[in-house]
Amino acid sequence: MNYTNAVIFIILAFSLGLIMIMNKDSIPQKIRKGMALTAVALILFAFYIIVYSLYTMGSS
């Protein structure tokens, strides 16, 4: 099975979280909370993809 799209999504989700942490002072207050919630949701989904791929790794 090809996991290229999943790997790209995981890298981008964690990169977004890192960027949000590093630049939290320069993000306007109005959109900070929404962007943080979106980043958290994407990171949680990335963790789900990691766990699911590890769970299904042995089955063909």
Protein backbone atom coordinates (compact mmCIF):
# COMPACT_ATOMS: atom_id res chain seq x y z
CA MET A 1 0.00 0.00 0.00
CA ASN A 2 1.21 3.50 -0.84
CA TYR A 3 1.36 5.81 2.18
CA THR A 4 2.81 8.85 0.39
CA ASN A 5 -0.25 11.05 0.90
CA ALA A 6 -0.48 10.12 4.57
CA VAL A 7 3.19 10.91 5.16
CA ILE A 8 2.84 14.28 3.42
CA PHE A 9 -0.24 15.11 5.52
CA ILE A 10 1.53 14.13 8.75
CA ILE A 11 4.56 16.27 7.93
CA LEU A 12 2.38 19.25 7.02
CA ALA A 13 0.19 18.93 10.13
CA PHE A 14 3.19 18.87 12.46
CA SER A 15 4.81 21.72 10.51
CA LEU A 16 1.66 23.83 10.94
CA GLY A 17 1.70 23.16 14.67
CA LEU A 18 5.36 24.11 14.90
CA ILE A 19 4.81 27.30 12.92
CA MET A 20 1.86 28.21 15.15
CA ILE A 21 4.01 27.75 18.26
CA MET A 22 6.98 29.67 16.88
CA ASN A 23 4.97 32.63 15.55
CA LYS A 24 2.21 32.88 18.14
CA ASP A 25 2.98 36.53 18.91
CA SER A 26 2.79 37.72 15.31
CA ILE A 27 -0.60 36.12 14.55
CA PRO A 28 -3.54 38.52 14.95
CA GLN A 29 -5.72 37.88 18.01
CA LYS A 30 -8.92 37.50 15.96
CA ILE A 31 -7.71 34.44 14.05
CA ARG A 32 -5.31 32.94 16.61
CA LYS A 33 -7.89 30.77 18.39
CA GLY A 34 -9.41 29.40 15.18
CA MET A 35 -6.03 28.58 13.69
CA ALA A 36 -4.91 26.91 16.92
CA LEU A 37 -8.03 24.74 17.03
CA THR A 38 -7.56 23.80 13.38
CA ALA A 39 -3.91 22.91 13.99
CA VAL A 40 -4.83 20.77 17.01
CA ALA A 41 -7.51 18.94 15.01
CA LEU A 42 -5.08 18.25 12.15
CA ILE A 43 -2.37 17.03 14.54
CA LEU A 44 -4.82 14.71 16.30
CA PHE A 45 -5.88 13.30 12.94
CA ALA A 46 -2.21 12.85 12.01
CA PHE A 47 -1.68 10.86 15.23
CA TYR A 48 -4.70 8.74 14.32
CA ILE A 49 -3.20 8.04 10.89
CA ILE A 50 0.12 7.05 12.48
CA VAL A 51 -1.54 4.67 14.94
CA TYR A 52 -3.82 3.20 12.28
CA SER A 53 -0.93 2.61 9.89
CA LEU A 54 1.08 0.90 12.62
CA TYR A 55 -1.96 -1.23 13.53
CA THR A 56 -2.52 -2.36 9.94
CA MET A 57 1.15 -2.77 9.06
CA GLY A 58 1.19 -6.52 9.62
CA SER A 59 -1.96 -7.33 7.63
CA SER A 60 -1.89 -7.45 3.87
